[in-house]
Protein backbone atom coordinates (compact mmCIF):
# COMPACT_ATOMS: atom_id res chain seq x y z
CA MET A 1 6.64 63.27 7.35
CA LEU A 2 6.42 64.53 10.60
CA ARG A 3 10.08 65.73 9.89
CA TYR A 4 8.38 67.37 6.73
CA ILE A 5 5.77 69.00 8.95
CA ILE A 6 8.37 70.08 11.58
CA ARG A 7 9.97 72.10 9.12
CA SER A 8 6.59 73.33 7.53
CA LEU A 9 5.44 75.00 10.89
CA LYS A 10 9.18 75.99 11.94
CA CYS A 11 8.82 78.02 7.81
CA LEU A 12 5.53 79.30 8.78
CA PHE A 13 6.35 80.99 11.94
CA MET A 14 9.38 82.55 10.41
CA VAL A 15 7.66 83.96 8.07
CA ALA A 16 5.12 85.31 9.88
CA LEU A 17 7.32 86.58 12.09
CA LEU A 18 9.53 88.61 9.95
CA PHE A 19 6.00 89.61 7.94
CA ALA A 20 5.25 91.11 11.43
CA ILE A 21 8.48 92.85 12.15
CA ILE A 22 8.38 94.30 9.21
CA VAL A 23 5.46 95.92 8.96
CA VAL A 24 5.85 96.90 12.36
CA VAL A 25 8.98 98.60 11.45
CA MET A 26 7.12 100.16 8.36
CA PHE A 27 4.43 101.63 10.40
CA TYR A 28 5.74 102.94 13.04
CA THR A 29 8.73 104.83 10.56
CA SER A 30 6.13 106.42 7.93
CA GLU A 31 3.12 109.07 8.32
CA HIS A 32 -0.52 107.35 9.24
CA ASP A 33 -3.27 108.64 10.66
CA ALA A 34 -3.53 108.26 14.28
CA ASN A 35 -6.81 106.12 14.49
CA LEU A 36 -5.13 104.04 12.11
CA ARG A 37 -3.32 100.45 13.23
CA PRO A 38 -0.99 97.90 11.97
CA TRP A 39 -3.37 95.01 12.36
CA ASN A 40 -6.01 97.41 10.63
CA LEU A 41 -3.52 97.90 7.32
CA PHE A 42 -4.80 94.32 5.88
CA ASP A 43 -8.46 94.78 6.74
CA GLY A 44 -10.83 92.00 4.76
CA GLN A 45 -7.21 90.90 3.38
CA TRP A 46 -6.07 88.54 6.34
CA THR A 47 -7.40 85.39 4.97
CA LYS A 48 -4.95 85.92 1.38
CA VAL A 49 -2.17 86.88 3.71
CA ILE A 50 -2.49 83.71 5.75
CA LEU A 51 -3.18 81.00 2.93
CA PHE A 52 0.14 83.16 1.32
CA PHE A 53 1.98 81.79 4.11
CA VAL A 54 0.58 78.57 4.91
CA ALA A 55 1.21 77.56 1.06
CA TYR A 56 4.39 78.98 1.08
CA ALA A 57 5.18 77.18 4.43
CA ALA A 58 3.89 73.54 2.53
CA VAL A 59 6.08 74.19 -0.72
CA TYR A 60 9.24 75.25 1.17
CA PRO A 61 10.11 71.91 3.01
CA LEU A 62 10.18 70.36 -0.97
CA ILE A 63 12.37 72.85 -2.14
CA GLY A 64 14.50 73.88 0.46
CA TYR A 65 15.68 70.50 1.47
CA ASN A 66 17.54 67.58 -1.19
CA LYS A 67 19.15 63.73 -0.67
CA ARG A 68 22.47 63.55 -3.13
CA GLU A 69 23.97 59.72 -3.85
CA ILE A 70 27.87 59.84 -4.13
CA ALA A 71 29.83 56.63 -5.32
CA PHE A 72 32.17 56.52 -2.11
CA GLY A 73 33.34 53.02 -2.34
CA GLU A 74 34.01 50.75 0.76
CA GLY A 75 35.47 51.96 4.14
CA PHE A 76 33.06 54.95 4.97
CA SER A 77 33.19 54.31 8.40
CA GLU A 78 37.05 53.97 8.39
CA ARG A 79 37.06 57.34 6.98
CA ARG A 80 34.39 59.07 9.54
CA GLN A 81 37.20 61.28 11.09
CA GLU A 82 38.82 62.08 8.09
CA ILE A 83 35.40 62.94 6.15
CA ALA A 84 34.26 65.22 9.38
CA ASN A 85 37.71 67.16 9.12
CA LEU A 86 36.76 67.64 5.89
CA LEU A 87 33.50 68.95 6.31
CA ARG A 88 34.99 71.49 9.30
CA GLU A 89 35.78 73.33 6.58
CA MET A 90 32.51 74.88 5.83
CA ASN A 91 31.68 74.99 9.47
CA LEU A 92 30.16 71.63 9.77
CA VAL A 93 30.71 69.71 13.30
CA PRO A 94 29.98 66.37 14.07
CA GLU A 95 26.82 66.17 16.68
CA ARG A 96 27.33 64.36 19.76
CA THR A 97 29.76 61.62 19.35
CA GLU A 98 28.15 59.34 21.60
CA VAL A 99 25.10 59.28 19.68
CA SER A 100 26.36 58.60 16.63
CA GLU A 101 29.11 56.08 17.30
CA GLY A 102 25.99 53.59 17.62
CA ASN A 103 25.67 53.13 13.83
CA PRO A 104 29.23 53.74 11.81
CA ASN A 105 27.63 54.21 8.38
CA VAL A 106 25.69 57.44 9.52
CA LEU A 107 27.58 61.06 10.24
CA LYS A 108 25.66 63.82 11.45
CA LEU A 109 26.84 67.16 11.20
CA HIS A 110 25.39 70.64 12.34
CA ASN A 111 26.88 74.01 11.80
CA ASN A 112 29.07 75.72 13.95
CA SER A 113 27.97 79.28 14.44
CA VAL A 114 25.24 79.24 16.64
CA ILE A 115 23.76 82.27 15.15
CA ILE A 116 23.34 80.76 11.56
CA ARG A 117 21.58 77.24 13.57
CA LEU A 118 18.80 79.65 15.26
CA LEU A 119 18.20 81.47 12.15
CA ARG A 120 17.29 77.73 10.51
CA MET A 121 15.68 77.03 13.12
CA PHE A 122 17.96 74.14 14.22
CA GLU A 123 16.97 72.90 10.76
CA ASP A 124 20.54 72.84 9.59
CA THR A 125 22.28 69.25 10.13
CA VAL A 126 23.70 67.46 7.17
CA THR A 127 22.97 63.64 7.37
CA LEU A 128 25.90 61.18 5.64
CA THR A 129 24.64 57.69 5.10
CA SER A 130 26.62 54.98 3.89
CA ASP A 131 25.14 51.98 2.31
CA GLN A 132 27.09 49.43 -0.23
CA GLY A 133 29.47 51.61 -1.51
CA MET A 134 26.85 54.95 -1.82
CA VAL A 135 27.00 57.81 0.42
CA THR A 136 23.36 59.38 0.92
CA VAL A 137 23.89 63.37 1.99
CA GLU A 138 20.68 64.83 2.87
CA GLY A 139 20.38 68.17 4.25
CA GLN A 140 19.06 71.68 3.35
CA ARG A 141 19.82 72.05 -0.23
CA LYS A 142 23.22 74.25 -0.37
CA ASP A 143 24.89 72.38 2.49
CA VAL A 144 24.10 69.07 0.71
CA VAL A 145 25.06 70.55 -2.63
CA ARG A 146 28.40 71.98 -1.19
CA ALA A 147 29.30 68.51 1.10
CA SER A 148 28.76 66.86 -2.03
CA MET A 149 31.05 68.55 -4.10
CA LYS A 150 33.21 68.71 -1.68
CA LEU A 151 33.75 64.70 -0.86
CA GLU A 152 33.29 64.59 -4.50
CA ARG A 153 36.77 66.63 -4.81
CA TYR A 154 38.23 64.92 -1.71
CA LEU A 155 37.33 61.37 -3.64
CA GLN A 156 38.86 62.31 -6.97
CA GLN A 157 41.97 63.24 -5.21
CA ARG A 158 42.32 60.47 -3.45
CA GLU A 159 41.94 58.30 -6.42
CA GLU A 160 44.81 60.60 -8.26
CA ASN A 161 46.81 60.16 -5.19
CA GLN A 162 46.21 56.80 -5.61
CA ASN A 163 47.07 56.33 -9.28
CA GLN A 164 50.11 58.34 -8.79
CA VAL A 165 51.77 55.61 -6.16
CA GLN A 166 50.93 52.73 -8.27
């Protein structure tokens, strides 16, 4: 629940900041009355604007973040490095290894680009958790879909290679 609130507040901040930048740029690049100021554009309508931002920020974490389960089988902890290298193609790099080494069934990755991490307000972590042959991929919806597809393709290729050997 705390993570949901933090994501919602970050979203609210980002939407309000982008809105303010757009309004100020549009205001100062257009002709207008000399007595008019940017904050006067929405006189009497501020409550509706604020309610829209709050509603959007409350709903976005429900839509923008996802969990997906993949049947992985056994051996996740032994293949952590191989999986990390596989997801490195998506510019996902493992977080500090000394933190994640404490639990071999969890692999946390984040985007390699500082600019993308900043634009996503450091909510770009993709977490892979193994439990009883299933791997749960959790994070932003787009990254979860891409990472789970890549893992599923990896598992299919590994299975095909094992079948060819036999």
